[in-house]
N, C-alpha and C. Protein backbone atom coordinates (compact mmCIF):
# COMPACT_ATOMS: atom_id res chain seq x y z
N MET A 1 55.97 108.40 99.44
CA MET A 1 55.13 109.60 99.02
C MET A 1 55.73 109.95 97.58
N THR A 2 54.39 110.38 97.31
CA THR A 2 54.54 111.02 96.03
C THR A 2 55.06 111.90 95.36
N SER A 3 56.00 111.92 94.31
CA SER A 3 56.58 113.23 93.88
C SER A 3 55.69 114.68 93.55
N LYS A 4 56.55 115.53 93.47
CA LYS A 4 55.37 116.58 92.98
C LYS A 4 55.09 116.80 91.20
N PRO A 5 56.19 116.18 90.86
CA PRO A 5 55.43 116.36 89.28
C PRO A 5 54.41 115.28 89.15
N ALA A 6 54.58 114.33 90.03
CA ALA A 6 53.88 113.07 89.81
C ALA A 6 52.09 113.23 90.05
N LEU A 7 52.65 114.58 91.03
CA LEU A 7 50.98 114.72 91.63
C LEU A 7 50.51 115.93 90.87
N THR A 8 51.37 116.65 90.49
CA THR A 8 50.93 117.64 89.29
C THR A 8 50.41 117.08 88.08
N ARG A 9 50.69 115.97 87.60
CA ARG A 9 50.63 115.13 86.20
C ARG A 9 48.86 114.82 86.94
N ASP A 10 48.68 113.83 87.57
CA ASP A 10 47.41 113.38 88.49
C ASP A 10 46.36 114.54 88.67
N VAL A 11 46.63 115.57 88.87
CA VAL A 11 45.83 116.67 89.34
C VAL A 11 45.34 117.01 87.89
N ALA A 12 46.13 117.37 87.06
CA ALA A 12 46.33 117.93 85.84
C ALA A 12 44.93 117.31 85.03
N ARG A 13 45.16 115.74 85.31
CA ARG A 13 44.47 114.76 84.58
C ARG A 13 43.17 114.66 84.64
N ARG A 14 43.21 114.16 86.11
CA ARG A 14 41.78 114.67 86.80
C ARG A 14 40.93 115.90 86.50
N LEU A 15 41.92 116.87 86.15
CA LEU A 15 40.85 118.40 85.69
C LEU A 15 40.18 117.86 84.70
N ARG A 16 41.17 117.19 83.44
CA ARG A 16 40.96 117.27 81.90
C ARG A 16 39.42 115.91 81.47
N ARG A 17 39.54 115.26 82.73
CA ARG A 17 38.66 114.10 82.68
C ARG A 17 37.53 114.91 83.19
N ASP A 18 37.31 115.46 84.06
CA ASP A 18 36.09 116.06 84.60
C ASP A 18 36.04 117.43 84.21
N GLN A 19 35.94 117.47 83.05
CA GLN A 19 35.79 118.87 82.61
C GLN A 19 33.97 119.48 82.32
N THR A 20 34.29 120.66 82.10
CA THR A 20 32.26 121.15 82.39
C THR A 20 32.17 121.21 80.67
N GLU A 21 30.95 120.86 80.60
CA GLU A 21 30.41 120.85 78.94
C GLU A 21 30.80 122.45 78.79
N ALA A 22 30.95 123.30 78.81
CA ALA A 22 31.55 124.60 77.99
C ALA A 22 32.98 123.92 78.04
N GLU A 23 33.65 124.02 78.89
CA GLU A 23 35.39 123.86 78.49
C GLU A 23 35.52 122.69 77.51
N ARG A 24 34.70 121.68 77.78
CA ARG A 24 34.49 120.47 76.37
C ARG A 24 34.28 121.35 75.09
N MET A 25 33.07 121.90 74.81
CA MET A 25 32.93 122.61 73.67
C MET A 25 34.15 123.40 73.14
N LEU A 26 34.78 124.03 74.20
CA LEU A 26 35.47 125.50 73.45
C LEU A 26 36.99 124.36 73.30
N TRP A 27 37.25 123.39 74.15
CA TRP A 27 38.55 122.43 73.65
C TRP A 27 38.09 121.68 72.43
N SER A 28 37.00 121.37 71.89
CA SER A 28 36.80 121.32 70.87
C SER A 28 37.61 121.82 69.63
N ARG A 29 37.38 123.29 69.90
CA ARG A 29 37.43 124.15 69.15
C ARG A 29 39.12 124.57 69.07
N LEU A 30 39.68 124.47 70.05
CA LEU A 30 41.04 124.56 70.25
C LEU A 30 42.27 123.87 70.19
N ARG A 31 41.70 122.93 70.19
CA ARG A 31 42.86 121.57 69.84
C ARG A 31 43.01 120.79 68.67
N ASN A 32 42.45 121.86 67.90
CA ASN A 32 43.05 121.25 66.58
C ASN A 32 43.61 122.39 66.09
N SER A 33 44.05 123.84 66.96
CA SER A 33 44.36 125.01 66.22
C SER A 33 43.98 125.64 65.26
N GLU A 34 42.36 125.86 65.80
CA GLU A 34 41.62 126.30 64.30
C GLU A 34 41.52 127.94 65.03
N LEU A 35 42.20 128.83 65.60
CA LEU A 35 41.93 130.10 65.98
C LEU A 35 43.49 130.72 65.43
N GLU A 36 43.45 130.73 64.23
CA GLU A 36 44.76 131.42 63.89
C GLU A 36 45.82 130.62 63.99
N GLY A 37 46.09 129.16 63.97
CA GLY A 37 47.32 128.76 64.16
C GLY A 37 47.83 128.46 65.93
N PHE A 38 47.21 129.42 66.49
CA PHE A 38 47.91 129.15 67.86
C PHE A 38 47.52 127.80 68.58
N LYS A 39 48.92 126.90 68.75
CA LYS A 39 48.83 126.20 69.98
C LYS A 39 48.50 126.50 71.18
N PHE A 40 47.41 125.51 71.85
CA PHE A 40 46.66 125.37 72.93
C PHE A 40 47.34 124.37 73.95
N ARG A 41 47.01 124.48 75.23
CA ARG A 41 47.32 123.09 76.71
C ARG A 41 46.57 123.25 77.25
N ARG A 42 45.55 122.46 77.75
CA ARG A 42 44.97 121.80 78.65
C ARG A 42 45.51 122.09 80.12
N GLN A 43 44.90 122.58 81.31
CA GLN A 43 45.50 122.34 82.68
C GLN A 43 46.70 122.32 82.34
N TYR A 44 47.36 123.41 82.43
CA TYR A 44 48.80 123.81 82.49
C TYR A 44 49.10 124.21 83.93
N PRO A 45 50.02 123.91 84.76
CA PRO A 45 50.21 124.16 85.67
C PRO A 45 50.94 125.51 85.60
N ILE A 46 50.90 126.50 86.11
CA ILE A 46 51.89 127.93 86.56
C ILE A 46 51.74 128.07 88.20
N GLY A 47 53.07 127.81 88.53
CA GLY A 47 53.34 127.58 89.39
C GLY A 47 52.26 126.64 90.76
N PRO A 48 51.64 126.98 91.98
CA PRO A 48 50.28 126.65 92.84
C PRO A 48 49.06 126.13 91.69
N PHE A 49 48.88 126.84 90.83
CA PHE A 49 47.77 126.92 89.80
C PHE A 49 47.53 126.00 88.84
N PHE A 50 46.70 126.02 88.65
CA PHE A 50 46.31 125.31 86.98
C PHE A 50 45.58 126.34 86.02
N ALA A 51 46.01 126.55 85.04
CA ALA A 51 45.26 127.24 83.71
C ALA A 51 44.42 125.94 82.85
N ASP A 52 42.94 126.58 82.97
CA ASP A 52 42.35 125.89 82.31
C ASP A 52 43.12 126.11 80.85
N PHE A 53 42.75 126.67 80.27
CA PHE A 53 43.34 127.18 78.65
C PHE A 53 44.97 127.68 78.75
N PHE A 54 45.45 127.26 78.17
CA PHE A 54 47.23 127.95 77.76
C PHE A 54 47.38 128.27 76.72
N CYS A 55 48.11 129.52 76.20
CA CYS A 55 48.47 129.36 74.34
C CYS A 55 49.88 129.91 74.65
């Protein structure tokens, strides 16, 4: 049986890989901390959900 953290990691990886064009464009700006130095993450697990972008 797959552990929950491994399953969560696999789902997050799939969501990052299969992102929409809009997500790809937004992430290209967010990933380098271009918005006033804030740090962003993609597909961040929050309880049973995933936030597409998390600051």
